Structure formats: C-alpha cells, structure tokens
Amino acid sequence: MVNQKYYITITGIDRYGGHEMFRTGMQVRLRKEHDNCYDDEAIAVFGKQGCRCGYVANSVHTCARGTFSAGRLYDKFEEELNARILFVMPDAVIAETEEG
C-alpha cells in the first residue's frame, strides 16, 4: 500500500489519443504490466473508461524533473493504484498518486 503521494509523468500519450483526453483533476488508474517485453517495470495508465492512455515514464529522458520514474514507483504498491491529473502538456501529463 502507498502511504504517501508521489508525482509521476505520464508519457506515450501521443500513441493513445494525445493530451486532449486528459483533464486537470481527472482520476486515472495505474496498473503494473508484467508481460511488457520492453520494460520489466512498466506501469500502464488507464482512463475512466478503462482505456489505456499512456505509461508512467521510466527514463531520464521522459520523466519530468521532480517526478518518480516507473522504476522508483514500482515497489511502492501491489498491482494497481489511483492517481489524479495535475498538469496537462502537449507531450506529457503530470499526476499525483493517491494514498491507499
């Protein structure tokens, strides 16, 4: 269980509908993706309708300064975790995990 909040960068959004699908205050669901062949610590991001809308960034090139990478967040929760959108930019979204 997550006992504190963490800031994360959601990336890859251009592959899943772009930044237009996000709104400040919107809740998203983070889910570990164990079968991801590109990243052993992949955390997929799902929107309200259960549609994938991106991934938690896991590279120094994609993580906004001050946010946790997927690798740093991966061991802080079991399988799924909620997050709330704080900022929406054309190429990335910043969210804050919710305790619980």
PDB file of N, CA and C in Angstrom:
ATOM      1  N   MET A   1       0.821  -1.195   0.000  1.00  0.00           N
ATOM      2  CA  MET A   1       0.000   0.000   0.000  1.00  0.00           C
ATOM      3  C   MET A   1       0.866   1.259   0.000  1.00  0.00           C
ATOM      4  N   VAL A   2       0.426   2.263  -0.703  1.00  0.00           N
ATOM      5  CA  VAL A   2       1.141   3.530  -0.761  1.00  0.00           C
ATOM      6  C   VAL A   2       0.731   4.369   0.436  1.00  0.00           C
ATOM      7  N   ASN A   3       1.713   4.797   1.210  1.00  0.00           N
ATOM      8  CA  ASN A   3       1.431   5.590   2.403  1.00  0.00           C
ATOM      9  C   ASN A   3       1.699   7.063   2.190  1.00  0.00           C
ATOM     10  N   GLN A   4       2.204   7.425   1.039  1.00  0.00           N
ATOM     11  CA  GLN A   4       2.407   8.823   0.730  1.00  0.00           C
ATOM     12  C   GLN A   4       2.138   9.055  -0.749  1.00  0.00           C
ATOM     13  N   LYS A   5       2.063  10.311  -1.118  1.00  0.00           N
ATOM     14  CA  LYS A   5       1.783  10.647  -2.508  1.00  0.00           C
ATOM     15  C   LYS A   5       3.088  10.864  -3.265  1.00  0.00           C
ATOM     16  N   TYR A   6       3.071  10.500  -4.551  1.00  0.00           N
ATOM     17  CA  TYR A   6       4.232  10.671  -5.419  1.00  0.00           C
ATOM     18  C   TYR A   6       3.784  11.356  -6.694  1.00  0.00           C
ATOM     19  N   TYR A   7       4.640  12.211  -7.233  1.00  0.00           N
ATOM     20  CA  TYR A   7       4.380  12.835  -8.522  1.00  0.00           C
ATOM     21  C   TYR A   7       4.974  11.951  -9.612  1.00  0.00           C
ATOM     22  N   ILE A   8       4.231  11.801 -10.699  1.00  0.00           N
ATOM     23  CA  ILE A   8       4.677  10.975 -11.818  1.00  0.00           C
ATOM     24  C   ILE A   8       4.446  11.707 -13.130  1.00  0.00           C
ATOM     25  N   THR A   9       5.201  11.311 -14.148  1.00  0.00           N
ATOM     26  CA  THR A   9       4.998  11.803 -15.507  1.00  0.00           C
ATOM     27  C   THR A   9       4.349  10.689 -16.315  1.00  0.00           C
ATOM     28  N   ILE A  10       3.281  11.012 -16.997  1.00  0.00           N
ATOM     29  CA  ILE A  10       2.641  10.058 -17.906  1.00  0.00           C
ATOM     30  C   ILE A  10       3.111  10.408 -19.309  1.00  0.00           C
ATOM     31  N   THR A  11       3.663   9.423 -19.984  1.00  0.00           N
ATOM     32  CA  THR A  11       4.242   9.647 -21.299  1.00  0.00           C
ATOM     33  C   THR A  11       3.644   8.661 -22.303  1.00  0.00           C
ATOM     34  N   GLY A  12       4.025   8.786 -23.551  1.00  0.00           N
ATOM     35  CA  GLY A  12       3.486   7.913 -24.590  1.00  0.00           C
ATOM     36  C   GLY A  12       2.049   8.247 -24.939  1.00  0.00           C
ATOM     37  N   ILE A  13       1.600   9.402 -24.502  1.00  0.00           N
ATOM     38  CA  ILE A  13       0.184   9.759 -24.684  1.00  0.00           C
ATOM     39  C   ILE A  13      -0.175   9.971 -26.151  1.00  0.00           C
ATOM     40  N   ASP A  14       0.818  10.314 -26.979  1.00  0.00           N
ATOM     41  CA  ASP A  14       0.535  10.523 -28.405  1.00  0.00           C
ATOM     42  C   ASP A  14       0.116   9.235 -29.098  1.00  0.00           C
ATOM     43  N   ARG A  15       0.443   8.086 -28.521  1.00  0.00           N
ATOM     44  CA  ARG A  15       0.048   6.789 -29.101  1.00  0.00           C
ATOM     45  C   ARG A  15      -1.374   6.387 -28.702  1.00  0.00           C
ATOM     46  N   TYR A  16      -1.940   7.089 -27.746  1.00  0.00           N
ATOM     47  CA  TYR A  16      -3.242   6.681 -27.186  1.00  0.00           C
ATOM     48  C   TYR A  16      -4.273   7.804 -27.197  1.00  0.00           C
ATOM     49  N   GLY A  17      -4.182   8.728 -28.082  1.00  0.00           N
ATOM     50  CA  GLY A  17      -5.212   9.751 -28.197  1.00  0.00           C
ATOM     51  C   GLY A  17      -4.740  11.157 -27.872  1.00  0.00           C
ATOM     52  N   GLY A  18      -3.514  11.308 -27.397  1.00  0.00           N
ATOM     53  CA  GLY A  18      -2.962  12.634 -27.146  1.00  0.00           C
ATOM     54  C   GLY A  18      -3.404  13.263 -25.846  1.00  0.00           C
ATOM     55  N   HIS A  19      -2.898  14.456 -25.609  1.00  0.00           N
ATOM     56  CA  HIS A  19      -3.161  15.146 -24.343  1.00  0.00           C
ATOM     57  C   HIS A  19      -4.606  15.628 -24.216  1.00  0.00           C
ATOM     58  N   GLU A  20      -5.348  15.663 -25.319  1.00  0.00           N
ATOM     59  CA  GLU A  20      -6.725  16.150 -25.279  1.00  0.00           C
ATOM     60  C   GLU A  20      -7.645  15.264 -24.430  1.00  0.00           C
ATOM     61  N   MET A  21      -7.251  14.015 -24.219  1.00  0.00           N
ATOM     62  CA  MET A  21      -8.111  13.110 -23.445  1.00  0.00           C
ATOM     63  C   MET A  21      -7.958  13.296 -21.932  1.00  0.00           C
ATOM     64  N   PHE A  22      -7.003  14.125 -21.503  1.00  0.00           N
ATOM     65  CA  PHE A  22      -6.766  14.363 -20.076  1.00  0.00           C
ATOM     66  C   PHE A  22      -7.345  15.696 -19.637  1.00  0.00           C
ATOM     67  N   ARG A  23      -7.808  15.746 -18.414  1.00  0.00           N
ATOM     68  CA  ARG A  23      -8.304  16.974 -17.797  1.00  0.00           C
ATOM     69  C   ARG A  23      -7.721  17.075 -16.399  1.00  0.00           C
ATOM     70  N   THR A  24      -7.388  18.284 -15.986  1.00  0.00           N
ATOM     71  CA  THR A  24      -6.915  18.503 -14.623  1.00  0.00           C
ATOM     72  C   THR A  24      -7.978  18.001 -13.643  1.00  0.00           C
ATOM     73  N   GLY A  25      -7.548  17.247 -12.654  1.00  0.00           N
ATOM     74  CA  GLY A  25      -8.465  16.687 -11.660  1.00  0.00           C
ATOM     75  C   GLY A  25      -8.991  15.304 -12.017  1.00  0.00           C
ATOM     76  N   MET A  26      -8.791  14.881 -13.240  1.00  0.00           N
ATOM     77  CA  MET A  26      -9.257  13.566 -13.698  1.00  0.00           C
ATOM     78  C   MET A  26      -8.510  12.455 -12.945  1.00  0.00           C
ATOM     79  N   GLN A  27      -9.229  11.401 -12.603  1.00  0.00           N
ATOM     80  CA  GLN A  27      -8.607  10.253 -11.950  1.00  0.00           C
ATOM     81  C   GLN A  27      -8.234   9.217 -13.001  1.00  0.00           C
ATOM     82  N   VAL A  28      -7.032   8.643 -12.857  1.00  0.00           N
ATOM     83  CA  VAL A  28      -6.578   7.560 -13.730  1.00  0.00           C
ATOM     84  C   VAL A  28      -6.148   6.392 -12.850  1.00  0.00           C
ATOM     85  N   ARG A  29      -6.039   5.231 -13.462  1.00  0.00           N
ATOM     86  CA  ARG A  29      -5.640   4.019 -12.748  1.00  0.00           C
ATOM     87  C   ARG A  29      -4.289   3.551 -13.276  1.00  0.00           C
ATOM     88  N   LEU A  30      -3.355   3.327 -12.370  1.00  0.00           N
ATOM     89  CA  LEU A  30      -2.040   2.802 -12.728  1.00  0.00           C
ATOM     90  C   LEU A  30      -2.060   1.306 -12.508  1.00  0.00           C
ATOM     91  N   ARG A  31      -1.534   0.556 -13.465  1.00  0.00           N
ATOM     92  CA  ARG A  31      -1.535  -0.903 -13.363  1.00  0.00           C
ATOM     93  C   ARG A  31      -0.192  -1.454 -13.851  1.00  0.00           C
ATOM     94  N   LYS A  32       0.442  -2.268 -13.020  1.00  0.00           N
ATOM     95  CA  LYS A  32       1.691  -2.911 -13.415  1.00  0.00           C
ATOM     96  C   LYS A  32       1.428  -3.795 -14.633  1.00  0.00           C
ATOM     97  N   GLU A  33       2.358  -3.780 -15.563  1.00  0.00           N
ATOM     98  CA  GLU A  33       2.207  -4.555 -16.791  1.00  0.00           C
ATOM     99  C   GLU A  33       3.330  -5.599 -16.832  1.00  0.00           C
ATOM    100  N   HIS A  34       3.104  -6.729 -16.189  1.00  0.00           N
ATOM    101  CA  HIS A  34       4.117  -7.765 -16.017  1.00  0.00           C
ATOM    102  C   HIS A  34       4.594  -8.386 -17.331  1.00  0.00           C
ATOM    103  N   ASP A  35       3.744  -8.399 -18.337  1.00  0.00           N
ATOM    104  CA  ASP A  35       4.107  -9.046 -19.598  1.00  0.00           C
ATOM    105  C   ASP A  35       4.675  -8.078 -20.644  1.00  0.00           C
ATOM    106  N   ASN A  36       5.086  -6.892 -20.227  1.00  0.00           N
ATOM    107  CA  ASN A  36       5.653  -5.917 -21.156  1.00  0.00           C
ATOM    108  C   ASN A  36       7.065  -6.358 -21.541  1.00  0.00           C
ATOM    109  N   CYS A  37       7.293  -6.630 -22.811  1.00  0.00           N
ATOM    110  CA  CYS A  37       8.591  -7.151 -23.263  1.00  0.00           C
ATOM    111  C   CYS A  37       9.651  -6.061 -23.404  1.00  0.00           C
ATOM    112  N   TYR A  38       9.290  -4.787 -23.282  1.00  0.00           N
ATOM    113  CA  TYR A  38      10.246  -3.695 -23.415  1.00  0.00           C
ATOM    114  C   TYR A  38      10.718  -3.154 -22.076  1.00  0.00           C
ATOM    115  N   ASP A  39       9.915  -3.326 -21.024  1.00  0.00           N
ATOM    116  CA  ASP A  39      10.243  -2.722 -19.731  1.00  0.00           C
ATOM    117  C   ASP A  39       9.720  -3.614 -18.609  1.00  0.00           C
ATOM    118  N   ASP A  40      10.624  -4.160 -17.820  1.00  0.00           N
ATOM    119  CA  ASP A  40      10.239  -5.040 -16.703  1.00  0.00           C
ATOM    120  C   ASP A  40       9.487  -4.298 -15.603  1.00  0.00           C
ATOM    121  N   GLU A  41       9.593  -2.972 -15.590  1.00  0.00           N
ATOM    122  CA  GLU A  41       8.920  -2.170 -14.569  1.00  0.00           C
ATOM    123  C   GLU A  41       7.829  -1.289 -15.175  1.00  0.00           C
ATOM    124  N   ALA A  42       7.252  -1.728 -16.265  1.00  0.00           N
ATOM    125  CA  ALA A  42       6.232  -0.932 -16.955  1.00  0.00           C
ATOM    126  C   ALA A  42       4.981  -0.786 -16.097  1.00  0.00           C
ATOM    127  N   ILE A  43       4.481   0.444 -16.056  1.00  0.00           N
ATOM    128  CA  ILE A  43       3.221   0.741 -15.372  1.00  0.00           C
ATOM    129  C   ILE A  43       2.331   1.458 -16.386  1.00  0.00           C
ATOM    130  N   ALA A  44       1.271   0.787 -16.798  1.00  0.00           N
ATOM    131  CA  ALA A  44       0.338   1.355 -17.769  1.00  0.00           C
ATOM    132  C   ALA A  44      -0.643   2.273 -17.051  1.00  0.00           C
ATOM    133  N   VAL A  45      -1.155   3.253 -17.771  1.00  0.00           N
ATOM    134  CA  VAL A  45      -2.117   4.217 -17.238  1.00  0.00           C
ATOM    135  C   VAL A  45      -3.430   4.042 -17.995  1.00  0.00           C
ATOM    136  N   PHE A  46      -4.530   3.921 -17.243  1.00  0.00           N
ATOM    137  CA  PHE A  46      -5.853   3.723 -17.824  1.00  0.00           C
ATOM    138  C   PHE A  46      -6.782   4.850 -17.411  1.00  0.00           C
ATOM    139  N   GLY A  47      -7.581   5.301 -18.367  1.00  0.00           N
ATOM    140  CA  GLY A  47      -8.543   6.365 -18.111  1.00  0.00           C
ATOM    141  C   GLY A  47      -9.841   5.837 -17.537  1.00  0.00           C
ATOM    142  N   LYS A  48     -10.798   6.734 -17.453  1.00  0.00           N
ATOM    143  CA  LYS A  48     -12.091   6.451 -16.825  1.00  0.00           C
ATOM    144  C   LYS A  48     -12.826   5.276 -17.465  1.00  0.00           C
ATOM    145  N   GLN A  49     -12.758   5.144 -18.752  1.00  0.00           N
ATOM    146  CA  GLN A  49     -13.463   4.088 -19.461  1.00  0.00           C
ATOM    147  C   GLN A  49     -12.674   2.780 -19.511  1.00  0.00           C
ATOM    148  N   GLY A  50     -11.531   2.736 -18.817  1.00  0.00           N
ATOM    149  CA  GLY A  50     -10.704   1.538 -18.812  1.00  0.00           C
ATOM    150  C   GLY A  50      -9.789   1.430 -20.013  1.00  0.00           C
ATOM    151  N   CYS A  51      -9.673   2.507 -20.787  1.00  0.00           N
ATOM    152  CA  CYS A  51      -8.815   2.513 -21.971  1.00  0.00           C
ATOM    153  C   CYS A  51      -7.408   2.954 -21.594  1.00  0.00           C
ATOM    154  N   ARG A  52      -6.434   2.269 -22.146  1.00  0.00           N
ATOM    155  CA  ARG A  52      -5.036   2.655 -21.916  1.00  0.00           C
ATOM    156  C   ARG A  52      -4.814   4.039 -22.513  1.00  0.00           C
ATOM    157  N   CYS A  53      -4.148   4.902 -21.753  1.00  0.00           N
ATOM    158  CA  CYS A  53      -3.909   6.253 -22.251  1.00  0.00           C
ATOM    159  C   CYS A  53      -2.445   6.674 -22.125  1.00  0.00           C
ATOM    160  N   GLY A  54      -1.559   5.760 -21.728  1.00  0.00           N
ATOM    161  CA  GLY A  54      -0.145   6.072 -21.638  1.00  0.00           C
ATOM    162  C   GLY A  54       0.558   5.159 -20.647  1.00  0.00           C
ATOM    163  N   TYR A  55       1.773   5.565 -20.289  1.00  0.00           N
ATOM    164  CA  TYR A  55       2.596   4.825 -19.339  1.00  0.00           C
ATOM    165  C   TYR A  55       3.270   5.788 -18.381  1.00  0.00           C
ATOM    166  N   VAL A  56       3.581   5.311 -17.185  1.00  0.00           N
ATOM    167  CA  VAL A  56       4.400   6.100 -16.275  1.00  0.00           C
ATOM    168  C   VAL A  56       5.803   6.125 -16.870  1.00  0.00           C
ATOM    169  N   ALA A  57       6.352   7.307 -17.035  1.00  0.00           N
ATOM    170  CA  ALA A  57       7.677   7.468 -17.636  1.00  0.00           C
ATOM    171  C   ALA A  57       8.723   6.714 -16.819  1.00  0.00           C
ATOM    172  N   ASN A  58       9.693   6.112 -17.524  1.00  0.00           N
ATOM    173  CA  ASN A  58      10.705   5.321 -16.835  1.00  0.00           C
ATOM    174  C   ASN A  58      12.104   5.591 -17.380  1.00  0.00           C
ATOM    175  N   SER A  59      12.334   6.799 -17.839  1.00  0.00           N
ATOM    176  CA  SER A  59      13.632   7.166 -18.396  1.00  0.00           C
ATOM    177  C   SER A  59      13.965   8.599 -17.988  1.00  0.00           C
ATOM    178  N   VAL A  60      15.242   8.884 -17.837  1.00  0.00           N
ATOM    179  CA  VAL A  60      15.637  10.257 -17.515  1.00  0.00           C
ATOM    180  C   VAL A  60      15.252  11.207 -18.650  1.00  0.00           C
ATOM    181  N   HIS A  61      15.036  10.663 -19.833  1.00  0.00           N
ATOM    182  CA  HIS A  61      14.664  11.486 -20.985  1.00  0.00           C
ATOM    183  C   HIS A  61      13.165  11.804 -21.023  1.00  0.00           C
ATOM    184  N   THR A  62      12.350  11.019 -20.305  1.00  0.00           N
ATOM    185  CA  THR A  62      10.901  11.229 -20.359  1.00  0.00           C
ATOM    186  C   THR A  62      10.291  11.664 -19.023  1.00  0.00           C
ATOM    187  N   CYS A  63      10.996  11.460 -17.921  1.00  0.00           N
ATOM    188  CA  CYS A  63      10.485  11.880 -16.606  1.00  0.00           C
ATOM    189  C   CYS A  63      10.725  13.369 -16.405  1.00  0.00           C
ATOM    190  N   ALA A  64       9.672  14.080 -16.063  1.00  0.00           N
ATOM    191  CA  ALA A  64       9.838  15.494 -15.726  1.00  0.00           C
ATOM    192  C   ALA A  64      10.619  15.593 -14.412  1.00  0.00           C
ATOM    193  N   ARG A  65      11.436  16.606 -14.301  1.00  0.00           N
ATOM    194  CA  ARG A  65      12.245  16.792 -13.086  1.00  0.00           C
ATOM    195  C   ARG A  65      11.333  16.843 -11.859  1.00  0.00           C
ATOM    196  N   GLY A  66      11.714  16.086 -10.839  1.00  0.00           N
ATOM    197  CA  GLY A  66      10.946  16.069  -9.589  1.00  0.00           C
ATOM    198  C   GLY A  66       9.871  15.001  -9.540  1.00  0.00           C
ATOM    199  N   THR A  67       9.725  14.225 -10.620  1.00  0.00           N
ATOM    200  CA  THR A  67       8.722  13.159 -10.614  1.00  0.00           C
ATOM    201  C   THR A  67       9.400  11.798 -10.498  1.00  0.00           C
ATOM    202  N   PHE A  68       8.663  10.841  -9.962  1.00  0.00           N
ATOM    203  CA  PHE A  68       9.159   9.475  -9.817  1.00  0.00           C
ATOM    204  C   PHE A  68       9.077   8.748 -11.149  1.00  0.00           C
ATOM    205  N   SER A  69      10.070   7.943 -11.445  1.00  0.00           N
ATOM    206  CA  SER A  69      10.024   7.077 -12.623  1.00  0.00           C
ATOM    207  C   SER A  69       9.216   5.835 -12.264  1.00  0.00           C
ATOM    208  N   ALA A  70       8.822   5.068 -13.272  1.00  0.00           N
ATOM    209  CA  ALA A  70       8.105   3.816 -13.018  1.00  0.00           C
ATOM    210  C   ALA A  70       8.956   2.890 -12.152  1.00  0.00           C
ATOM    211  N   GLY A  71      10.260   2.862 -12.388  1.00  0.00           N
ATOM    212  CA  GLY A  71      11.151   2.012 -11.617  1.00  0.00           C
ATOM    213  C   GLY A  71      11.184   2.366 -10.142  1.00  0.00           C
ATOM    214  N   ARG A  72      11.144   3.648  -9.833  1.00  0.00           N
ATOM    215  CA  ARG A  72      11.136   4.079  -8.430  1.00  0.00           C
ATOM    216  C   ARG A  72       9.784   3.845  -7.771  1.00  0.00           C
ATOM    217  N   LEU A  73       8.718   3.896  -8.556  1.00  0.00           N
ATOM    218  CA  LEU A  73       7.365   3.719  -8.025  1.00  0.00           C
ATOM    219  C   LEU A  73       6.957   2.258  -7.932  1.00  0.00           C
ATOM    220  N   TYR A  74       7.528   1.411  -8.759  1.00  0.00           N
ATOM    221  CA  TYR A  74       7.082   0.031  -8.959  1.00  0.00           C
ATOM    222  C   TYR A  74       6.912  -0.763  -7.664  1.00  0.00           C
ATOM    223  N   ASP A  75       7.826  -0.656  -6.737  1.00  0.00           N
ATOM    224  CA  ASP A  75       7.764  -1.438  -5.492  1.00  0.00           C
ATOM    225  C   ASP A  75       6.956  -0.773  -4.392  1.00  0.00           C
ATOM    226  N   LYS A  76       6.329   0.341  -4.669  1.00  0.00           N
ATOM    227  CA  LYS A  76       5.594   1.078  -3.644  1.00  0.00           C
ATOM    228  C   LYS A  76       4.099   0.740  -3.607  1.00  0.00           C
ATOM    229  N   PHE A  77       3.649  -0.139  -4.512  1.00  0.00           N
ATOM    230  CA  PHE A  77       2.246  -0.573  -4.491  1.00  0.00           C
ATOM    231  C   PHE A  77       2.158  -1.988  -5.041  1.00  0.00           C
ATOM    232  N   GLU A  78       1.039  -2.653  -4.754  1.00  0.00           N
ATOM    233  CA  GLU A  78       0.863  -4.054  -5.152  1.00  0.00           C
ATOM    234  C   GLU A  78       0.690  -4.195  -6.670  1.00  0.00           C
ATOM    235  N   GLU A  79      -0.513  -4.009  -7.171  1.00  0.00           N
ATOM    236  CA  GLU A  79      -0.793  -4.179  -8.602  1.00  0.00           C
ATOM    237  C   GLU A  79      -1.402  -2.946  -9.254  1.00  0.00           C
ATOM    238  N   GLU A  80      -2.285  -2.253  -8.531  1.00  0.00           N
ATOM    239  CA  GLU A  80      -2.973  -1.095  -9.097  1.00  0.00           C
ATOM    240  C   GLU A  80      -2.996   0.043  -8.090  1.00  0.00           C
ATOM    241  N   LEU A  81      -3.085   1.256  -8.632  1.00  0.00           N
ATOM    242  CA  LEU A  81      -3.054   2.451  -7.804  1.00  0.00           C
ATOM    243  C   LEU A  81      -3.754   3.576  -8.557  1.00  0.00           C
ATOM    244  N   ASN A  82      -4.490   4.413  -7.849  1.00  0.00           N
ATOM    245  CA  ASN A  82      -5.128   5.577  -8.459  1.00  0.00           C
ATOM    246  C   ASN A  82      -4.179   6.762  -8.443  1.00  0.00           C
ATOM    247  N   ALA A  83      -4.360   7.637  -9.421  1.00  0.00           N
ATOM    248  CA  ALA A  83      -3.624   8.896  -9.481  1.00  0.00           C
ATOM    249  C   ALA A  83      -4.568   9.966 -10.006  1.00  0.00           C
ATOM    250  N   ARG A  84      -4.259  11.221  -9.698  1.00  0.00           N
ATOM    251  CA  ARG A  84      -5.077  12.344 -10.140  1.00  0.00           C
ATOM    252  C   ARG A  84      -4.215  13.271 -10.998  1.00  0.00           C
ATOM    253  N   ILE A  85      -4.755  13.688 -12.129  1.00  0.00           N
ATOM    254  CA  ILE A  85      -4.036  14.550 -13.068  1.00  0.00           C
ATOM    255  C   ILE A  85      -3.901  15.958 -12.477  1.00  0.00           C
ATOM    256  N   LEU A  86      -2.668  16.474 -12.498  1.00  0.00           N
ATOM    257  CA  LEU A  86      -2.398  17.825 -12.003  1.00  0.00           C
ATOM    258  C   LEU A  86      -2.152  18.819 -13.124  1.00  0.00           C
ATOM    259  N   PHE A  87      -1.350  18.417 -14.130  1.00  0.00           N
ATOM    260  CA  PHE A  87      -0.982  19.293 -15.234  1.00  0.00           C
ATOM    261  C   PHE A  87      -1.050  18.532 -16.545  1.00  0.00           C
ATOM    262  N   VAL A  88      -1.545  19.192 -17.582  1.00  0.00           N
ATOM    263  CA  VAL A  88      -1.626  18.587 -18.911  1.00  0.00           C
ATOM    264  C   VAL A  88      -0.822  19.445 -19.876  1.00  0.00           C
ATOM    265  N   MET A  89       0.175  18.809 -20.523  1.00  0.00           N
ATOM    266  CA  MET A  89       1.018  19.483 -21.507  1.00  0.00           C
ATOM    267  C   MET A  89       0.907  18.711 -22.818  1.00  0.00           C
ATOM    268  N   PRO A  90       1.311  19.283 -23.926  1.00  0.00           N
ATOM    269  CA  PRO A  90       1.165  18.590 -25.208  1.00  0.00           C
ATOM    270  C   PRO A  90       1.864  17.233 -25.295  1.00  0.00           C
ATOM    271  N   ASP A  91       3.017  17.086 -24.630  1.00  0.00           N
ATOM    272  CA  ASP A  91       3.778  15.844 -24.778  1.00  0.00           C
ATOM    273  C   ASP A  91       3.833  14.985 -23.516  1.00  0.00           C
ATOM    274  N   ALA A  92       3.287  15.453 -22.419  1.00  0.00           N
ATOM    275  CA  ALA A  92       3.320  14.696 -21.164  1.00  0.00           C
ATOM    276  C   ALA A  92       2.249  15.219 -20.222  1.00  0.00           C
ATOM    277  N   VAL A  93       1.969  14.414 -19.224  1.00  0.00           N
ATOM    278  CA  VAL A  93       0.976  14.750 -18.206  1.00  0.00           C
ATOM    279  C   VAL A  93       1.610  14.481 -16.852  1.00  0.00           C
ATOM    280  N   ILE A  94       1.395  15.375 -15.899  1.00  0.00           N
ATOM    281  CA  ILE A  94       1.898  15.187 -14.541  1.00  0.00           C
ATOM    282  C   ILE A  94       0.716  14.816 -13.657  1.00  0.00           C
ATOM    283  N   ALA A  95       0.900  13.768 -12.859  1.00  0.00           N
ATOM    284  CA  ALA A  95      -0.153  13.297 -11.958  1.00  0.00           C
ATOM    285  C   ALA A  95       0.429  13.060 -10.578  1.00  0.00           C
ATOM    286  N   GLU A  96      -0.462  12.938  -9.598  1.00  0.00           N
ATOM    287  CA  GLU A  96      -0.074  12.646  -8.228  1.00  0.00           C
ATOM    288  C   GLU A  96      -0.797  11.377  -7.796  1.00  0.00           C
ATOM    289  N   THR A  97      -0.039  10.425  -7.268  1.00  0.00           N
ATOM    290  CA  THR A  97      -0.681   9.193  -6.800  1.00  0.00           C
ATOM    291  C   THR A  97      -1.541   9.510  -5.593  1.00  0.00           C
ATOM    292  N   GLU A  98      -2.549   8.682  -5.388  1.00  0.00           N
ATOM    293  CA  GLU A  98      -3.433   8.837  -4.238  1.00  0.00           C
ATOM    294  C   GLU A  98      -3.099   7.802  -3.202  1.00  0.00           C
ATOM    295  N   GLU A  99      -3.135   8.179  -1.961  1.00  0.00           N
ATOM    296  CA  GLU A  99      -2.828   7.235  -0.873  1.00  0.00           C
ATOM    297  C   GLU A  99      -3.851   6.127  -0.848  1.00  0.00           C
ATOM    298  N   GLY A 100      -3.389   4.966  -0.413  1.00  0.00           N
ATOM    299  CA  GLY A 100      -4.353   3.876  -0.270  1.00  0.00           C
ATOM    300  C   GLY A 100      -3.904   2.562  -0.724  1.00  0.00           C
TER     301      GLY A 100
END
